[in-house]
Amino acid sequence: MERIISYPITLIYYLVFGLLLVIFHPIQYICLNVFGYQAHKKSVDYLNFGLLSATRILGTRYTVEGLENVPKGVPVIFVANHQSMYDIITIIWYFRKAHPKFVSKKELGKRIPSVSFNLRHGGSVLIDRKDPKQAIPAIQKLGKYIEANNRAAVIFPEGTRSKTGVPKPFQQTGLKILFKTAPSAYVVPISINNSWTIVKFGFFPAGLGNRLTFTAHKALKVSDFEVDDLLAKTEAAVVSALKY
């Protein structure tokens, strides 16, 4: 029954979603090229606020806990499990004060209004999953960027989205590179629950009436731990608040 009811609601939702992407694409371009980074970031923040608000059409609710655990004025590495694109939208808006930048697959950097522009010009990096050698310098670049500018990197070390909410083992290479290139950073593990339920039927129709929860855990200073210990503590923190 939910699936049947969802078809017309999802159609309305995607029309609003797509309209927001189209409207904010030129806004981003003008903000960046006329007013600079800060204006561009504001435009991205409000785009994602609009995209989050649009999910209310689907009856989606959000609970975000632990924002006080995000340190200020230092580089931050957000490490989270990954369930859907709604993870990204939520992190950009609710954790906007940390200036989050993403490690994203290169396909997202092409032909998607607003999204591709921000990934290419907003400080994130695009990697080719089929070419590990290309990914290493890209992630190194991101680590050096957040270290120099006191901004945040967001990495989903599972490597791909979980379609059922069950976490996959963390891949460690990207995290190790960020730890090395941003030695003064603080790691903030984030546990994401129920994001996958919006896409449980696939792209169309969307799931209805879901409550998403995001829990930011206590920050771990990179320089206070051996790499293997930090990796283990980070993964344990993320998994500790998952419900599946």
Protein backbone atom coordinates (compact mmCIF):
# COMPACT_ATOMS: atom_id res chain seq x y z
CA MET A 1 0.00 0.00 0.00
CA GLU A 2 2.81 2.44 0.87
CA ARG A 3 4.39 1.85 -2.52
CA ILE A 4 1.15 2.56 -4.39
CA ILE A 5 0.45 5.74 -2.41
CA SER A 6 4.04 6.87 -2.89
CA TYR A 7 3.93 7.15 -6.70
CA PRO A 8 2.08 10.50 -7.00
CA ILE A 9 3.77 11.90 -3.88
CA THR A 10 7.21 10.97 -5.19
CA LEU A 11 6.47 12.59 -8.53
CA ILE A 12 5.69 15.89 -6.79
CA TYR A 13 8.78 15.51 -4.61
CA TYR A 14 11.16 14.95 -7.52
CA LEU A 15 9.70 17.90 -9.41
CA VAL A 16 10.49 20.14 -6.43
CA PHE A 17 13.90 18.49 -5.96
CA GLY A 18 14.85 18.98 -9.61
CA LEU A 19 13.59 22.56 -9.66
CA LEU A 20 15.80 23.43 -6.68
CA LEU A 21 18.86 21.98 -8.42
CA VAL A 22 18.17 23.97 -11.59
CA ILE A 23 17.47 27.24 -9.74
CA PHE A 24 20.57 27.06 -7.56
CA HIS A 25 22.99 26.17 -10.35
CA PRO A 26 23.28 29.74 -11.71
CA ILE A 27 23.06 31.10 -8.17
CA GLN A 28 26.13 29.07 -7.24
CA TYR A 29 27.97 30.22 -10.35
CA ILE A 30 27.30 33.90 -9.63
CA CYS A 31 28.11 33.58 -5.94
CA LEU A 32 31.45 31.91 -6.62
CA ASN A 33 32.62 33.99 -9.54
CA VAL A 34 31.39 37.37 -8.31
CA PHE A 35 31.52 37.18 -4.52
CA GLY A 36 33.92 34.29 -3.77
CA TYR A 37 34.07 31.23 -1.57
CA GLN A 38 31.96 32.37 1.38
CA ALA A 39 29.04 33.42 -0.80
CA HIS A 40 29.26 30.17 -2.75
CA LYS A 41 29.22 28.17 0.46
CA LYS A 42 26.12 30.03 1.65
CA SER A 43 24.36 29.22 -1.61
CA VAL A 44 25.24 25.53 -1.18
CA ASP A 45 24.03 25.58 2.43
CA TYR A 46 20.66 27.00 1.47
CA LEU A 47 20.33 24.67 -1.50
CA ASN A 48 20.70 21.72 0.84
CA PHE A 49 18.30 23.27 3.33
CA GLY A 50 15.81 23.44 0.48
CA LEU A 51 16.49 19.83 -0.51
CA LEU A 52 16.01 18.70 3.09
CA SER A 53 12.80 20.68 3.37
CA ALA A 54 11.54 19.07 0.16
CA THR A 55 11.78 15.63 1.74
CA ARG A 56 9.01 16.72 4.12
CA ILE A 57 6.73 16.05 1.17
CA LEU A 58 7.63 12.39 1.73
CA GLY A 59 6.93 12.70 5.44
CA THR A 60 10.63 12.47 6.28
CA ARG A 61 11.76 13.58 9.74
CA TYR A 62 15.30 14.22 10.96
CA THR A 63 16.97 13.91 14.34
CA VAL A 64 20.57 15.12 14.58
CA GLU A 65 22.42 14.56 17.85
CA GLY A 66 25.90 15.44 19.07
CA LEU A 67 26.52 18.66 17.15
CA GLU A 68 28.28 19.91 20.27
CA ASN A 69 30.93 17.20 19.71
CA VAL A 70 32.21 18.91 16.55
CA PRO A 71 35.28 21.00 17.49
CA LYS A 72 35.56 24.53 16.12
CA GLY A 73 38.51 26.26 14.48
CA VAL A 74 40.37 23.02 13.67
CA PRO A 75 40.43 20.55 10.77
CA VAL A 76 37.77 17.86 11.13
CA ILE A 77 37.39 14.45 9.52
CA PHE A 78 33.80 13.21 9.57
CA VAL A 79 33.68 9.42 9.23
CA ALA A 80 30.24 7.93 8.64
CA ASN A 81 28.43 4.87 7.39
CA HIS A 82 26.66 5.46 4.09
CA GLN A 83 23.07 4.59 3.18
CA SER A 84 21.83 7.09 0.57
CA MET A 85 22.31 10.52 -0.99
CA TYR A 86 20.31 11.94 1.92
CA ASP A 87 23.37 11.38 4.12
CA ILE A 88 25.19 14.04 2.11
CA ILE A 89 22.35 16.55 2.09
CA THR A 90 21.89 16.26 5.85
CA ILE A 91 25.58 16.56 6.67
CA ILE A 92 26.01 19.64 4.46
CA TRP A 93 23.19 21.47 6.23
CA TYR A 94 23.41 20.39 9.85
CA PHE A 95 27.22 20.35 9.98
CA ARG A 96 27.63 23.43 7.79
CA LYS A 97 29.68 25.36 10.36
CA ALA A 98 32.53 22.90 9.80
CA HIS A 99 32.54 23.50 5.99
CA PRO A 100 32.20 19.81 4.99
CA LYS A 101 33.91 18.64 1.79
CA PHE A 102 33.45 15.20 0.28
CA VAL A 103 35.32 12.34 -1.29
CA SER A 104 32.95 11.55 -4.17
CA LYS A 105 32.98 9.33 -7.24
CA LYS A 106 33.90 11.15 -10.43
CA GLU A 107 30.56 10.39 -12.09
CA LEU A 108 28.85 12.86 -9.74
CA GLY A 109 31.02 15.65 -11.11
CA LYS A 110 29.27 15.57 -14.49
CA ARG A 111 25.94 16.83 -15.77
CA ILE A 112 24.04 17.10 -12.47
CA PRO A 113 22.81 20.69 -11.97
CA SER A 114 24.15 22.29 -8.77
CA VAL A 115 25.61 19.03 -7.43
CA SER A 116 28.35 18.67 -10.03
CA PHE A 117 29.23 22.37 -9.87
CA ASN A 118 29.66 22.26 -6.10
CA LEU A 119 31.75 19.09 -6.17
CA ARG A 120 34.06 20.57 -8.80
CA HIS A 121 34.42 24.04 -7.31
CA GLY A 122 33.54 23.82 -3.61
CA GLY A 123 36.63 22.03 -2.26
CA SER A 124 35.55 18.39 -2.55
CA VAL A 125 37.53 15.82 -4.55
CA LEU A 126 36.39 13.39 -7.21
CA ILE A 127 37.92 9.94 -7.45
CA ASP A 128 37.81 7.13 -9.98
CA ARG A 129 36.92 3.98 -8.08
CA LYS A 130 38.48 1.91 -10.87
CA ASP A 131 41.81 3.70 -10.56
CA PRO A 132 43.18 3.52 -6.99
CA LYS A 133 46.35 5.33 -8.05
CA GLN A 134 44.31 8.40 -9.00
CA ALA A 135 42.40 8.33 -5.72
CA ILE A 136 45.49 8.62 -3.53
CA PRO A 137 46.67 12.10 -4.64
CA ALA A 138 43.05 13.33 -4.69
CA ILE A 139 42.53 12.36 -1.05
CA GLN A 140 45.96 13.76 -0.17
CA LYS A 141 44.86 17.04 -1.71
CA LEU A 142 41.73 17.07 0.42
CA GLY A 143 43.69 16.33 3.60
CA LYS A 144 46.12 19.17 2.94
CA TYR A 145 43.19 21.47 2.11
CA ILE A 146 41.36 20.92 5.40
CA GLU A 147 44.63 21.15 7.32
CA ALA A 148 45.46 24.52 5.77
CA ASN A 149 41.96 25.99 6.01
CA ASN A 150 40.50 24.41 9.18
CA ARG A 151 37.67 22.79 7.26
CA ALA A 152 36.13 19.33 7.26
CA ALA A 153 36.51 16.25 5.10
CA VAL A 154 33.65 13.76 4.94
CA ILE A 155 34.48 10.18 4.07
CA PHE A 156 32.28 7.10 3.84
CA PRO A 157 34.86 4.32 4.28
CA GLU A 158 32.48 1.45 3.51
CA GLY A 159 33.20 2.25 -0.14
CA THR A 160 29.58 1.93 -1.24
CA ARG A 161 26.11 2.50 0.16
CA SER A 162 24.36 -0.08 2.33
CA LYS A 163 20.96 -0.89 0.85
CA THR A 164 19.65 -2.44 4.08
CA GLY A 165 21.31 -0.41 6.81
CA VAL A 166 23.73 -3.21 7.67
CA PRO A 167 27.23 -1.67 7.77
CA LYS A 168 30.05 -2.96 5.61
CA PRO A 169 33.66 -3.27 6.85
CA PHE A 170 35.61 -0.02 6.63
CA GLN A 171 38.21 0.36 3.92
CA GLN A 172 41.21 1.95 5.59
CA THR A 173 43.33 3.48 2.82
CA GLY A 174 41.45 6.76 2.48
CA LEU A 175 41.30 7.28 6.22
CA LYS A 176 45.02 6.64 6.63
CA ILE A 177 45.79 9.22 3.93
CA LEU A 178 43.61 11.84 5.64
CA PHE A 179 45.19 11.10 9.03
CA LYS A 180 48.66 11.59 7.55
CA THR A 181 47.93 14.73 5.54
CA ALA A 182 45.82 16.42 8.24
CA PRO A 183 47.77 15.57 11.43
CA SER A 184 46.12 18.30 13.53
CA ALA A 185 42.60 17.13 12.64
CA TYR A 186 39.95 15.70 14.91
CA VAL A 187 37.97 12.66 13.80
CA VAL A 188 34.22 12.86 14.44
CA PRO A 189 32.47 9.51 13.86
CA ILE A 190 28.85 9.81 12.66
CA SER A 191 26.25 7.03 12.86
CA ILE A 192 23.46 7.27 10.26
CA ASN A 193 20.22 5.36 10.70
CA ASN A 194 17.28 4.83 8.31
CA SER A 195 18.57 6.92 5.42
CA TRP A 196 18.28 3.82 3.25
CA THR A 197 14.54 3.59 3.87
CA ILE A 198 13.85 6.53 1.56
CA VAL A 199 15.26 4.50 -1.34
CA LYS A 200 14.10 1.06 -0.21
CA PHE A 201 12.01 0.71 -3.39
CA GLY A 202 14.79 2.11 -5.56
CA PHE A 203 14.91 5.59 -7.08
CA PHE A 204 11.16 5.59 -7.78
CA PRO A 205 8.96 5.60 -5.81
CA ALA A 206 10.45 6.89 -2.56
CA GLY A 207 9.71 5.49 0.87
CA LEU A 208 7.29 7.52 2.97
CA GLY A 209 7.16 8.63 6.59
CA ASN A 210 10.72 7.76 7.58
CA ARG A 211 12.69 9.12 10.51
CA LEU A 212 16.40 9.57 9.91
CA THR A 213 18.83 9.90 12.80
CA PHE A 214 22.38 11.22 12.69
CA THR A 215 24.58 10.85 15.78
CA ALA A 216 27.93 12.64 16.00
CA HIS A 217 30.19 11.00 18.55
CA LYS A 218 32.97 12.40 20.72
CA ALA A 219 35.87 13.79 18.68
CA LEU A 220 39.16 11.89 18.55
CA LYS A 221 42.34 13.88 18.00
CA VAL A 222 44.42 12.25 15.28
CA SER A 223 47.74 12.97 16.97
CA ASP A 224 46.63 11.30 20.22
CA PHE A 225 46.41 7.80 18.74
CA GLU A 226 48.33 5.23 16.77
CA VAL A 227 46.76 4.83 13.34
CA ASP A 228 45.40 1.32 13.87
CA ASP A 229 43.95 2.25 17.25
CA LEU A 230 42.29 5.33 15.81
CA LEU A 231 40.82 3.31 12.94
CA ALA A 232 39.41 0.74 15.35
CA LYS A 233 37.94 3.35 17.71
CA THR A 234 36.39 5.28 14.83
CA GLU A 235 34.70 2.24 13.29
CA ALA A 236 33.51 1.04 16.70
CA ALA A 237 31.95 4.43 17.43
CA VAL A 238 30.09 4.54 14.13
CA VAL A 239 28.75 1.00 14.52
CA SER A 240 27.83 1.48 18.18
CA ALA A 241 24.76 3.61 17.42
CA LEU A 242 23.49 1.79 14.33
CA LYS A 243 20.14 0.04 14.43
CA TYR A 244 19.48 -2.69 11.88
